[in-house]
Amino acid sequence: MSKKEGNRLVALAERIACALERLAPALAKPLNLKGAEAFVWHSDKHELQPVGKVNRVDLSLLKGIDQVRDILMENTERFAQGLPANNALLWGARGMGKSSLVKAAHGEVAKRAKGRLKLIEIHREDIESLPALMALLRAEPSVRFIVYCDDLSFDADDTSYKSLKAALEGGIEGRPPNMIFYATSNRRHLLPREMMENESSTAINPHEAVQEKVSLSDRFGLWLGFHNCSQDDYLEMVRGYCDHYKLAIAPADLSAQAIEWAATRGGRSGRVAWQFIQDLAGRLGMRIE
């Protein structure tokens, strides 16, 4: 081979190498966990965006959910201490504090974890990238991570739930020991009822078809149900917020206005109580931050 031909082959090889580098996916940036206790996962960049201030309420302000609060707190405490703990699915009525409890539980336990317990929010549409996130977290064994997805559910034509099933339990690697998954949903089985009914009516073996669908929720060791609150629980929530923010109003007026507010909203919940408090504080000219 002549020297000219050799140079031509070397140049060709360099061009091929450059083309392959452009086609290859970008390497994930190393995790920078300092300076924040919570992050948002961006699947397109494969990176965690730190959250300067978590939007959470104090654990003591969550009323009417004492049992599920204590169960989730105990599970989170064990996980932070490196003990066995379960993935948790918080399901049920809208506005009853499911996502608020996750964030409040993390905030309370993180105070004692000395920076070793982080909260990561993953958006519903990024669930298929969960294995990539898990790979990054696995490389940080000294830190514990709660990966949290709010309002998790799947439509009839959505097959990404299979990725979540394999990631949580059943994959060849399994869930990293330093990670736990918390999700909130209005649906107990995360899938619409009509989806399971259609599978049952059209499948050769209806029982097996339904079992395949509901097996996703089986990946959660804790099922914590949230139900519509009574008027007494609703007023307790309102009074708790009012006392916490020191809003000056007579107790009788507070109850009457809160009940009227709930009537205009067509229901009672923790969210309705908080929205009433925001309205009341605004009318009183007071800030609640």
C-alpha atoms as a PDB file:
ATOM      1  CA  MET A   1       0.000   0.000   0.000  1.00  0.00           C
ATOM      2  CA  SER A   2       1.337   3.394  -0.987  1.00  0.00           C
ATOM      3  CA  LYS A   3       1.735   6.218   1.488  1.00  0.00           C
ATOM      4  CA  LYS A   4      -0.969   8.181  -0.350  1.00  0.00           C
ATOM      5  CA  GLU A   5      -3.464   5.335  -0.066  1.00  0.00           C
ATOM      6  CA  GLY A   6      -2.600   4.940   3.623  1.00  0.00           C
ATOM      7  CA  ASN A   7      -3.270   8.617   4.304  1.00  0.00           C
ATOM      8  CA  ARG A   8      -6.579   8.354   2.437  1.00  0.00           C
ATOM      9  CA  LEU A   9      -7.670   5.378   4.585  1.00  0.00           C
ATOM     10  CA  VAL A  10      -6.679   7.182   7.780  1.00  0.00           C
ATOM     11  CA  ALA A  11      -8.712  10.247   6.768  1.00  0.00           C
ATOM     12  CA  LEU A  12     -11.685   8.022   5.906  1.00  0.00           C
ATOM     13  CA  ALA A  13     -11.469   6.286   9.284  1.00  0.00           C
ATOM     14  CA  GLU A  14     -11.392   9.630  11.070  1.00  0.00           C
ATOM     15  CA  ARG A  15     -14.509  10.798   9.209  1.00  0.00           C
ATOM     16  CA  ILE A  16     -16.327   7.584  10.114  1.00  0.00           C
ATOM     17  CA  ALA A  17     -15.326   7.977  13.767  1.00  0.00           C
ATOM     18  CA  CYS A  18     -16.608  11.560  13.823  1.00  0.00           C
ATOM     19  CA  ALA A  19     -19.902  10.494  12.243  1.00  0.00           C
ATOM     20  CA  LEU A  20     -20.360   7.754  14.824  1.00  0.00           C
ATOM     21  CA  GLU A  21     -19.685  10.189  17.670  1.00  0.00           C
ATOM     22  CA  ARG A  22     -22.391  12.509  16.339  1.00  0.00           C
ATOM     23  CA  LEU A  23     -24.874   9.631  16.123  1.00  0.00           C
ATOM     24  CA  ALA A  24     -24.095   8.272  19.577  1.00  0.00           C
ATOM     25  CA  PRO A  25     -26.271   9.539  22.461  1.00  0.00           C
ATOM     26  CA  ALA A  26     -24.703  12.150  24.679  1.00  0.00           C
ATOM     27  CA  LEU A  27     -23.224  10.820  27.897  1.00  0.00           C
ATOM     28  CA  ALA A  28     -25.223  11.638  30.991  1.00  0.00           C
ATOM     29  CA  LYS A  29     -23.759  14.375  33.116  1.00  0.00           C
ATOM     30  CA  PRO A  30     -22.505  13.282  36.529  1.00  0.00           C
ATOM     31  CA  LEU A  31     -25.015  13.967  39.297  1.00  0.00           C
ATOM     32  CA  ASN A  32     -24.519  17.148  41.283  1.00  0.00           C
ATOM     33  CA  LEU A  33     -26.559  16.624  44.438  1.00  0.00           C
ATOM     34  CA  LYS A  34     -25.146  19.460  46.510  1.00  0.00           C
ATOM     35  CA  GLY A  35     -27.176  22.504  47.431  1.00  0.00           C
ATOM     36  CA  ALA A  36     -30.661  21.020  46.981  1.00  0.00           C
ATOM     37  CA  GLU A  37     -32.848  18.423  48.654  1.00  0.00           C
ATOM     38  CA  ALA A  38     -35.197  17.948  45.701  1.00  0.00           C
ATOM     39  CA  PHE A  39     -34.806  17.645  41.931  1.00  0.00           C
ATOM     40  CA  VAL A  40     -36.857  17.287  38.751  1.00  0.00           C
ATOM     41  CA  TRP A  41     -35.775  14.643  36.233  1.00  0.00           C
ATOM     42  CA  HIS A  42     -35.441  15.836  32.608  1.00  0.00           C
ATOM     43  CA  SER A  43     -35.367  12.774  30.392  1.00  0.00           C
ATOM     44  CA  ASP A  44     -34.382  14.653  27.225  1.00  0.00           C
ATOM     45  CA  LYS A  45     -31.141  15.857  28.832  1.00  0.00           C
ATOM     46  CA  HIS A  46     -30.712  12.921  31.237  1.00  0.00           C
ATOM     47  CA  GLU A  47     -30.089  15.311  34.086  1.00  0.00           C
ATOM     48  CA  LEU A  48     -31.581  16.432  37.380  1.00  0.00           C
ATOM     49  CA  GLN A  49     -32.682  20.037  37.788  1.00  0.00           C
ATOM     50  CA  PRO A  50     -32.379  21.219  41.413  1.00  0.00           C
ATOM     51  CA  VAL A  51     -35.466  22.730  43.058  1.00  0.00           C
ATOM     52  CA  GLY A  52     -34.647  25.827  45.077  1.00  0.00           C
ATOM     53  CA  LYS A  53     -37.726  25.656  47.320  1.00  0.00           C
ATOM     54  CA  VAL A  54     -40.066  22.678  47.501  1.00  0.00           C
ATOM     55  CA  ASN A  55     -43.772  23.551  47.371  1.00  0.00           C
ATOM     56  CA  ARG A  56     -44.874  21.729  50.526  1.00  0.00           C
ATOM     57  CA  VAL A  57     -47.030  22.213  53.589  1.00  0.00           C
ATOM     58  CA  ASP A  58     -46.071  21.274  57.123  1.00  0.00           C
ATOM     59  CA  LEU A  59     -46.919  17.699  58.071  1.00  0.00           C
ATOM     60  CA  SER A  60     -48.949  18.917  61.065  1.00  0.00           C
ATOM     61  CA  LEU A  61     -51.365  20.737  58.732  1.00  0.00           C
ATOM     62  CA  LEU A  62     -52.487  17.542  56.988  1.00  0.00           C
ATOM     63  CA  LYS A  63     -55.687  16.605  58.815  1.00  0.00           C
ATOM     64  CA  GLY A  64     -58.052  13.663  58.462  1.00  0.00           C
ATOM     65  CA  ILE A  65     -55.420  11.279  57.066  1.00  0.00           C
ATOM     66  CA  ASP A  66     -53.711  10.219  60.292  1.00  0.00           C
ATOM     67  CA  GLN A  67     -53.485   6.501  59.524  1.00  0.00           C
ATOM     68  CA  VAL A  68     -51.993   6.780  56.032  1.00  0.00           C
ATOM     69  CA  ARG A  69     -49.725   9.604  57.253  1.00  0.00           C
ATOM     70  CA  ASP A  70     -48.262   7.400  59.981  1.00  0.00           C
ATOM     71  CA  ILE A  71     -47.788   4.428  57.616  1.00  0.00           C
ATOM     72  CA  LEU A  72     -45.985   6.491  54.982  1.00  0.00           C
ATOM     73  CA  MET A  73     -43.842   8.235  57.579  1.00  0.00           C
ATOM     74  CA  GLU A  74     -42.758   4.921  59.086  1.00  0.00           C
ATOM     75  CA  ASN A  75     -41.942   3.509  55.636  1.00  0.00           C
ATOM     76  CA  THR A  76     -39.936   6.627  54.736  1.00  0.00           C
ATOM     77  CA  GLU A  77     -38.062   6.587  58.052  1.00  0.00           C
ATOM     78  CA  ARG A  78     -37.034   2.959  57.531  1.00  0.00           C
ATOM     79  CA  PHE A  79     -35.876   3.669  54.002  1.00  0.00           C
ATOM     80  CA  ALA A  80     -33.800   6.668  55.117  1.00  0.00           C
ATOM     81  CA  GLN A  81     -32.113   4.460  57.724  1.00  0.00           C
ATOM     82  CA  GLY A  82     -31.155   1.881  55.107  1.00  0.00           C
ATOM     83  CA  LEU A  83     -33.756  -0.645  56.260  1.00  0.00           C
ATOM     84  CA  PRO A  84     -36.174  -2.547  53.971  1.00  0.00           C
ATOM     85  CA  ALA A  85     -39.101  -0.423  52.740  1.00  0.00           C
ATOM     86  CA  ASN A  86     -41.813  -0.630  50.102  1.00  0.00           C
ATOM     87  CA  ASN A  87     -42.812   1.326  47.031  1.00  0.00           C
ATOM     88  CA  ALA A  88     -46.016   3.229  47.849  1.00  0.00           C
ATOM     89  CA  LEU A  89     -49.125   4.025  45.822  1.00  0.00           C
ATOM     90  CA  LEU A  90     -51.286   6.788  47.273  1.00  0.00           C
ATOM     91  CA  TRP A  91     -54.669   6.543  45.569  1.00  0.00           C
ATOM     92  CA  GLY A  92     -58.155   7.900  46.002  1.00  0.00           C
ATOM     93  CA  ALA A  93     -60.213  11.067  46.223  1.00  0.00           C
ATOM     94  CA  ARG A  94     -58.998  14.258  44.595  1.00  0.00           C
ATOM     95  CA  GLY A  95     -57.598  17.029  46.763  1.00  0.00           C
ATOM     96  CA  MET A  96     -57.178  14.943  49.916  1.00  0.00           C
ATOM     97  CA  GLY A  97     -53.436  15.509  50.308  1.00  0.00           C
ATOM     98  CA  LYS A  98     -51.795  12.628  48.435  1.00  0.00           C
ATOM     99  CA  SER A  99     -48.993  14.642  46.827  1.00  0.00           C
ATOM    100  CA  SER A 100     -48.806  16.976  49.832  1.00  0.00           C
ATOM    101  CA  LEU A 101     -48.184  13.998  52.105  1.00  0.00           C
ATOM    102  CA  VAL A 102     -45.332  12.679  49.941  1.00  0.00           C
ATOM    103  CA  LYS A 103     -43.562  16.034  49.971  1.00  0.00           C
ATOM    104  CA  ALA A 104     -44.264  16.653  53.662  1.00  0.00           C
ATOM    105  CA  ALA A 105     -43.026  13.171  54.646  1.00  0.00           C
ATOM    106  CA  HIS A 106     -39.810  13.692  52.714  1.00  0.00           C
ATOM    107  CA  GLY A 107     -39.302  17.120  54.279  1.00  0.00           C
ATOM    108  CA  GLU A 108     -39.810  15.788  57.788  1.00  0.00           C
ATOM    109  CA  VAL A 109     -37.518  12.766  57.409  1.00  0.00           C
ATOM    110  CA  ALA A 110     -34.876  14.733  55.453  1.00  0.00           C
ATOM    111  CA  LYS A 111     -34.357  16.967  58.503  1.00  0.00           C
ATOM    112  CA  ARG A 112     -32.809  13.983  60.285  1.00  0.00           C
ATOM    113  CA  ALA A 113     -31.106  12.422  57.262  1.00  0.00           C
ATOM    114  CA  LYS A 114     -28.327  15.053  57.105  1.00  0.00           C
ATOM    115  CA  GLY A 115     -28.567  15.603  53.353  1.00  0.00           C
ATOM    116  CA  ARG A 116     -28.657  11.911  52.461  1.00  0.00           C
ATOM    117  CA  LEU A 117     -32.344  11.733  51.479  1.00  0.00           C
ATOM    118  CA  LYS A 118     -33.289  13.358  48.167  1.00  0.00           C
ATOM    119  CA  LEU A 119     -36.678  13.730  46.470  1.00  0.00           C
ATOM    120  CA  ILE A 120     -36.812  13.386  42.675  1.00  0.00           C
ATOM    121  CA  GLU A 121     -39.960  14.162  40.705  1.00  0.00           C
ATOM    122  CA  ILE A 122     -40.416  12.307  37.434  1.00  0.00           C
ATOM    123  CA  HIS A 123     -43.214  13.436  35.139  1.00  0.00           C
ATOM    124  CA  ARG A 124     -45.795  10.973  33.906  1.00  0.00           C
ATOM    125  CA  GLU A 125     -44.679  11.337  30.288  1.00  0.00           C
ATOM    126  CA  ASP A 126     -41.083  10.475  31.257  1.00  0.00           C
ATOM    127  CA  ILE A 127     -41.868   7.120  32.884  1.00  0.00           C
ATOM    128  CA  GLU A 128     -40.232   5.200  30.042  1.00  0.00           C
ATOM    129  CA  SER A 129     -36.920   6.861  30.968  1.00  0.00           C
ATOM    130  CA  LEU A 130     -37.084   5.538  34.540  1.00  0.00           C
ATOM    131  CA  PRO A 131     -34.457   2.810  33.872  1.00  0.00           C
ATOM    132  CA  ALA A 132     -31.985   5.491  32.759  1.00  0.00           C
ATOM    133  CA  LEU A 133     -32.640   7.480  35.944  1.00  0.00           C
ATOM    134  CA  MET A 134     -32.249   4.341  38.042  1.00  0.00           C
ATOM    135  CA  ALA A 135     -28.847   3.701  36.474  1.00  0.00           C
ATOM    136  CA  LEU A 136     -27.683   7.150  37.568  1.00  0.00           C
ATOM    137  CA  LEU A 137     -29.017   6.702  41.100  1.00  0.00           C
ATOM    138  CA  ARG A 138     -27.417   3.281  41.423  1.00  0.00           C
ATOM    139  CA  ALA A 139     -24.041   4.994  41.022  1.00  0.00           C
ATOM    140  CA  GLU A 140     -24.674   7.094  44.178  1.00  0.00           C
ATOM    141  CA  PRO A 141     -24.971   4.392  46.878  1.00  0.00           C
ATOM    142  CA  SER A 142     -24.300   6.790  49.778  1.00  0.00           C
ATOM    143  CA  VAL A 143     -27.483   8.800  49.040  1.00  0.00           C
ATOM    144  CA  ARG A 144     -31.107   7.617  49.376  1.00  0.00           C
ATOM    145  CA  PHE A 145     -33.629   8.699  46.732  1.00  0.00           C
ATOM    146  CA  ILE A 146     -37.418   8.913  46.758  1.00  0.00           C
ATOM    147  CA  VAL A 147     -38.518   9.003  43.116  1.00  0.00           C
ATOM    148  CA  TYR A 148     -41.998  10.491  43.004  1.00  0.00           C
ATOM    149  CA  CYS A 149     -44.591  10.653  40.216  1.00  0.00           C
ATOM    150  CA  ASP A 150     -47.717  12.730  40.756  1.00  0.00           C
ATOM    151  CA  ASP A 151     -51.052  11.811  39.161  1.00  0.00           C
ATOM    152  CA  LEU A 152     -49.766   8.598  37.621  1.00  0.00           C
ATOM    153  CA  SER A 153     -52.220   6.796  35.347  1.00  0.00           C
ATOM    154  CA  PHE A 154     -52.296   5.171  31.926  1.00  0.00           C
ATOM    155  CA  ASP A 155     -54.735   5.376  29.039  1.00  0.00           C
ATOM    156  CA  ALA A 156     -56.077   2.459  27.055  1.00  0.00           C
ATOM    157  CA  ASP A 157     -53.559   2.793  24.219  1.00  0.00           C
ATOM    158  CA  ASP A 158     -50.588   3.488  26.503  1.00  0.00           C
ATOM    159  CA  THR A 159     -48.095   0.645  26.908  1.00  0.00           C
ATOM    160  CA  SER A 160     -45.483   2.534  28.948  1.00  0.00           C
ATOM    161  CA  TYR A 161     -46.905   0.933  32.089  1.00  0.00           C
ATOM    162  CA  LYS A 162     -44.969  -2.180  31.066  1.00  0.00           C
ATOM    163  CA  SER A 163     -41.711  -0.221  31.396  1.00  0.00           C
ATOM    164  CA  LEU A 164     -42.686   0.807  34.913  1.00  0.00           C
ATOM    165  CA  LYS A 165     -43.533  -2.780  35.851  1.00  0.00           C
ATOM    166  CA  ALA A 166     -40.146  -4.053  34.717  1.00  0.00           C
ATOM    167  CA  ALA A 167     -38.281  -1.174  36.355  1.00  0.00           C
ATOM    168  CA  LEU A 168     -39.892  -1.497  39.780  1.00  0.00           C
ATOM    169  CA  GLU A 169     -39.861  -5.270  40.097  1.00  0.00           C
ATOM    170  CA  GLY A 170     -39.054  -8.024  37.675  1.00  0.00           C
ATOM    171  CA  GLY A 171     -36.221  -6.533  35.639  1.00  0.00           C
ATOM    172  CA  ILE A 172     -32.887  -8.317  35.592  1.00  0.00           C
ATOM    173  CA  GLU A 173     -31.262  -5.626  37.760  1.00  0.00           C
ATOM    174  CA  GLY A 174     -34.293  -4.682  39.834  1.00  0.00           C
ATOM    175  CA  ARG A 175     -34.778  -1.484  41.774  1.00  0.00           C
ATOM    176  CA  PRO A 176     -31.565   0.058  43.176  1.00  0.00           C
ATOM    177  CA  PRO A 177     -31.327  -0.501  46.951  1.00  0.00           C
ATOM    178  CA  ASN A 178     -30.925   3.255  47.482  1.00  0.00           C
ATOM    179  CA  MET A 179     -34.149   4.163  45.625  1.00  0.00           C
ATOM    180  CA  ILE A 180     -37.842   3.888  46.405  1.00  0.00           C
ATOM    181  CA  PHE A 181     -40.798   4.844  44.212  1.00  0.00           C
ATOM    182  CA  TYR A 182     -43.837   6.800  45.452  1.00  0.00           C
ATOM    183  CA  ALA A 183     -46.777   7.543  43.144  1.00  0.00           C
ATOM    184  CA  THR A 184     -50.122   9.276  43.542  1.00  0.00           C
ATOM    185  CA  SER A 185     -53.176   8.470  41.452  1.00  0.00           C
ATOM    186  CA  ASN A 186     -56.945   8.796  41.471  1.00  0.00           C
ATOM    187  CA  ARG A 187     -57.079   5.196  40.196  1.00  0.00           C
ATOM    188  CA  ARG A 188     -56.386   2.272  42.490  1.00  0.00           C
ATOM    189  CA  HIS A 189     -54.976   0.115  39.682  1.00  0.00           C
ATOM    190  CA  LEU A 190     -53.551   3.062  37.671  1.00  0.00           C
ATOM    191  CA  LEU A 191     -55.511   1.926  34.595  1.00  0.00           C
ATOM    192  CA  PRO A 192     -59.042   3.029  33.586  1.00  0.00           C
ATOM    193  CA  ARG A 193     -61.800   0.589  34.545  1.00  0.00           C
ATOM    194  CA  GLU A 194     -63.070   0.381  30.958  1.00  0.00           C
ATOM    195  CA  MET A 195     -59.602  -0.682  29.829  1.00  0.00           C
ATOM    196  CA  MET A 196     -59.671  -3.716  32.103  1.00  0.00           C
ATOM    197  CA  GLU A 197     -63.292  -4.481  31.221  1.00  0.00           C
ATOM    198  CA  ASN A 198     -62.499  -4.393  27.487  1.00  0.00           C
ATOM    199  CA  GLU A 199     -59.571  -6.732  28.012  1.00  0.00           C
ATOM    200  CA  SER A 200     -61.799  -9.075  29.997  1.00  0.00           C
ATOM    201  CA  SER A 201     -64.515  -9.175  27.312  1.00  0.00           C
ATOM    202  CA  THR A 202     -62.228  -9.675  24.292  1.00  0.00           C
ATOM    203  CA  ALA A 203     -59.426 -11.875  25.597  1.00  0.00           C
ATOM    204  CA  ILE A 204     -59.339 -15.647  25.123  1.00  0.00           C
ATOM    205  CA  ASN A 205     -58.656 -15.979  28.851  1.00  0.00           C
ATOM    206  CA  PRO A 206     -60.345 -12.969  30.527  1.00  0.00           C
ATOM    207  CA  HIS A 207     -58.892 -13.714  33.963  1.00  0.00           C
ATOM    208  CA  GLU A 208     -55.309 -13.713  32.672  1.00  0.00           C
ATOM    209  CA  ALA A 209     -55.879 -10.479  30.721  1.00  0.00           C
ATOM    210  CA  VAL A 210     -57.136  -8.619  33.784  1.00  0.00           C
ATOM    211  CA  GLN A 211     -54.359 -10.033  35.965  1.00  0.00           C
ATOM    212  CA  GLU A 212     -51.750  -8.741  33.513  1.00  0.00           C
ATOM    213  CA  LYS A 213     -53.211  -5.230  33.789  1.00  0.00           C
ATOM    214  CA  VAL A 214     -53.569  -5.061  37.563  1.00  0.00           C
ATOM    215  CA  SER A 215     -50.111  -6.568  38.134  1.00  0.00           C
ATOM    216  CA  LEU A 216     -48.665  -3.061  37.826  1.00  0.00           C
ATOM    217  CA  SER A 217     -50.268  -1.936  41.086  1.00  0.00           C
ATOM    218  CA  ASP A 218     -48.961  -5.124  42.706  1.00  0.00           C
ATOM    219  CA  ARG A 219     -45.464  -3.660  42.367  1.00  0.00           C
ATOM    220  CA  PHE A 220     -46.391  -1.275  45.183  1.00  0.00           C
ATOM    221  CA  GLY A 221     -46.080  -2.883  48.604  1.00  0.00           C
ATOM    222  CA  LEU A 222     -48.107  -0.074  50.193  1.00  0.00           C
ATOM    223  CA  TRP A 223     -51.565   0.899  48.942  1.00  0.00           C
ATOM    224  CA  LEU A 224     -52.682   3.960  50.884  1.00  0.00           C
ATOM    225  CA  GLY A 225     -56.304   4.968  50.270  1.00  0.00           C
ATOM    226  CA  PHE A 226     -57.584   8.543  50.533  1.00  0.00           C
ATOM    227  CA  HIS A 227     -61.328   9.077  50.837  1.00  0.00           C
ATOM    228  CA  ASN A 228     -63.703  12.033  50.819  1.00  0.00           C
ATOM    229  CA  CYS A 229     -63.683  13.872  54.130  1.00  0.00           C
ATOM    230  CA  SER A 230     -66.542  14.639  56.486  1.00  0.00           C
ATOM    231  CA  GLN A 231     -67.581  18.171  57.365  1.00  0.00           C
ATOM    232  CA  ASP A 232     -65.861  17.836  60.755  1.00  0.00           C
ATOM    233  CA  ASP A 233     -62.563  16.855  59.081  1.00  0.00           C
ATOM    234  CA  TYR A 234     -62.945  19.687  56.582  1.00  0.00           C
ATOM    235  CA  LEU A 235     -63.485  22.271  59.319  1.00  0.00           C
ATOM    236  CA  GLU A 236     -60.535  20.853  61.251  1.00  0.00           C
ATOM    237  CA  MET A 237     -58.362  21.443  58.178  1.00  0.00           C
ATOM    238  CA  VAL A 238     -59.638  25.006  57.880  1.00  0.00           C
ATOM    239  CA  ARG A 239     -59.034  25.745  61.565  1.00  0.00           C
ATOM    240  CA  GLY A 240     -55.547  24.222  61.366  1.00  0.00           C
ATOM    241  CA  TYR A 241     -54.578  26.512  58.489  1.00  0.00           C
ATOM    242  CA  CYS A 242     -56.200  29.509  60.178  1.00  0.00           C
ATOM    243  CA  ASP A 243     -54.289  28.970  63.426  1.00  0.00           C
ATOM    244  CA  HIS A 244     -51.011  28.280  61.615  1.00  0.00           C
ATOM    245  CA  TYR A 245     -51.171  31.529  59.623  1.00  0.00           C
ATOM    246  CA  LYS A 246     -52.725  33.506  62.513  1.00  0.00           C
ATOM    247  CA  LEU A 247     -55.718  34.733  60.519  1.00  0.00           C
ATOM    248  CA  ALA A 248     -57.884  37.009  62.666  1.00  0.00           C
ATOM    249  CA  ILE A 249     -61.496  35.845  62.370  1.00  0.00           C
ATOM    250  CA  ALA A 250     -64.150  34.738  64.864  1.00  0.00           C
ATOM    251  CA  PRO A 251     -64.530  30.924  65.044  1.00  0.00           C
ATOM    252  CA  ALA A 252     -68.243  31.045  64.214  1.00  0.00           C
ATOM    253  CA  ASP A 253     -67.630  33.251  61.163  1.00  0.00           C
ATOM    254  CA  LEU A 254     -64.781  30.993  60.055  1.00  0.00           C
ATOM    255  CA  SER A 255     -66.957  27.865  60.144  1.00  0.00           C
ATOM    256  CA  ALA A 256     -69.893  29.555  58.398  1.00  0.00           C
ATOM    257  CA  GLN A 257     -67.745  30.968  55.608  1.00  0.00           C
ATOM    258  CA  ALA A 258     -65.845  27.689  55.153  1.00  0.00           C
ATOM    259  CA  ILE A 259     -69.078  25.696  54.837  1.00  0.00           C
ATOM    260  CA  GLU A 260     -70.465  28.194  52.332  1.00  0.00           C
ATOM    261  CA  TRP A 261     -67.217  28.015  50.340  1.00  0.00           C
ATOM    262  CA  ALA A 262     -67.397  24.208  50.189  1.00  0.00           C
ATOM    263  CA  ALA A 263     -71.020  24.385  49.059  1.00  0.00           C
ATOM    264  CA  THR A 264     -70.075  26.622  46.124  1.00  0.00           C
ATOM    265  CA  ARG A 265     -67.362  24.126  45.158  1.00  0.00           C
ATOM    266  CA  GLY A 266     -69.683  21.158  45.361  1.00  0.00           C
ATOM    267  CA  GLY A 267     -67.555  19.173  47.800  1.00  0.00           C
ATOM    268  CA  ARG A 268     -65.121  19.103  50.712  1.00  0.00           C
ATOM    269  CA  SER A 269     -61.416  18.242  50.569  1.00  0.00           C
ATOM    270  CA  GLY A 270     -58.049  19.422  51.779  1.00  0.00           C
ATOM    271  CA  ARG A 271     -57.589  21.313  48.530  1.00  0.00           C
ATOM    272  CA  VAL A 272     -60.911  23.115  48.969  1.00  0.00           C
ATOM    273  CA  ALA A 273     -59.912  24.018  52.539  1.00  0.00           C
ATOM    274  CA  TRP A 274     -56.602  25.477  51.332  1.00  0.00           C
ATOM    275  CA  GLN A 275     -58.296  27.443  48.550  1.00  0.00           C
ATOM    276  CA  PHE A 276     -60.726  28.891  51.096  1.00  0.00           C
ATOM    277  CA  ILE A 277     -57.816  29.930  53.345  1.00  0.00           C
ATOM    278  CA  GLN A 278     -56.120  31.657  50.412  1.00  0.00           C
ATOM    279  CA  ASP A 279     -59.323  33.561  49.672  1.00  0.00           C
ATOM    280  CA  LEU A 280     -59.796  34.444  53.344  1.00  0.00           C
ATOM    281  CA  ALA A 281     -56.216  35.662  53.743  1.00  0.00           C
ATOM    282  CA  GLY A 282     -56.591  37.795  50.634  1.00  0.00           C
ATOM    283  CA  ARG A 283     -59.764  39.395  51.966  1.00  0.00           C
ATOM    284  CA  LEU A 284     -58.036  40.040  55.304  1.00  0.00           C
ATOM    285  CA  GLY A 285     -55.041  41.590  53.552  1.00  0.00           C
ATOM    286  CA  MET A 286     -52.627  39.026  55.012  1.00  0.00           C
ATOM    287  CA  ARG A 287     -49.835  37.045  53.362  1.00  0.00           C
ATOM    288  CA  ILE A 288     -49.497  33.269  53.804  1.00  0.00           C
ATOM    289  CA  GLU A 289     -46.055  32.134  52.720  1.00  0.00           C
END
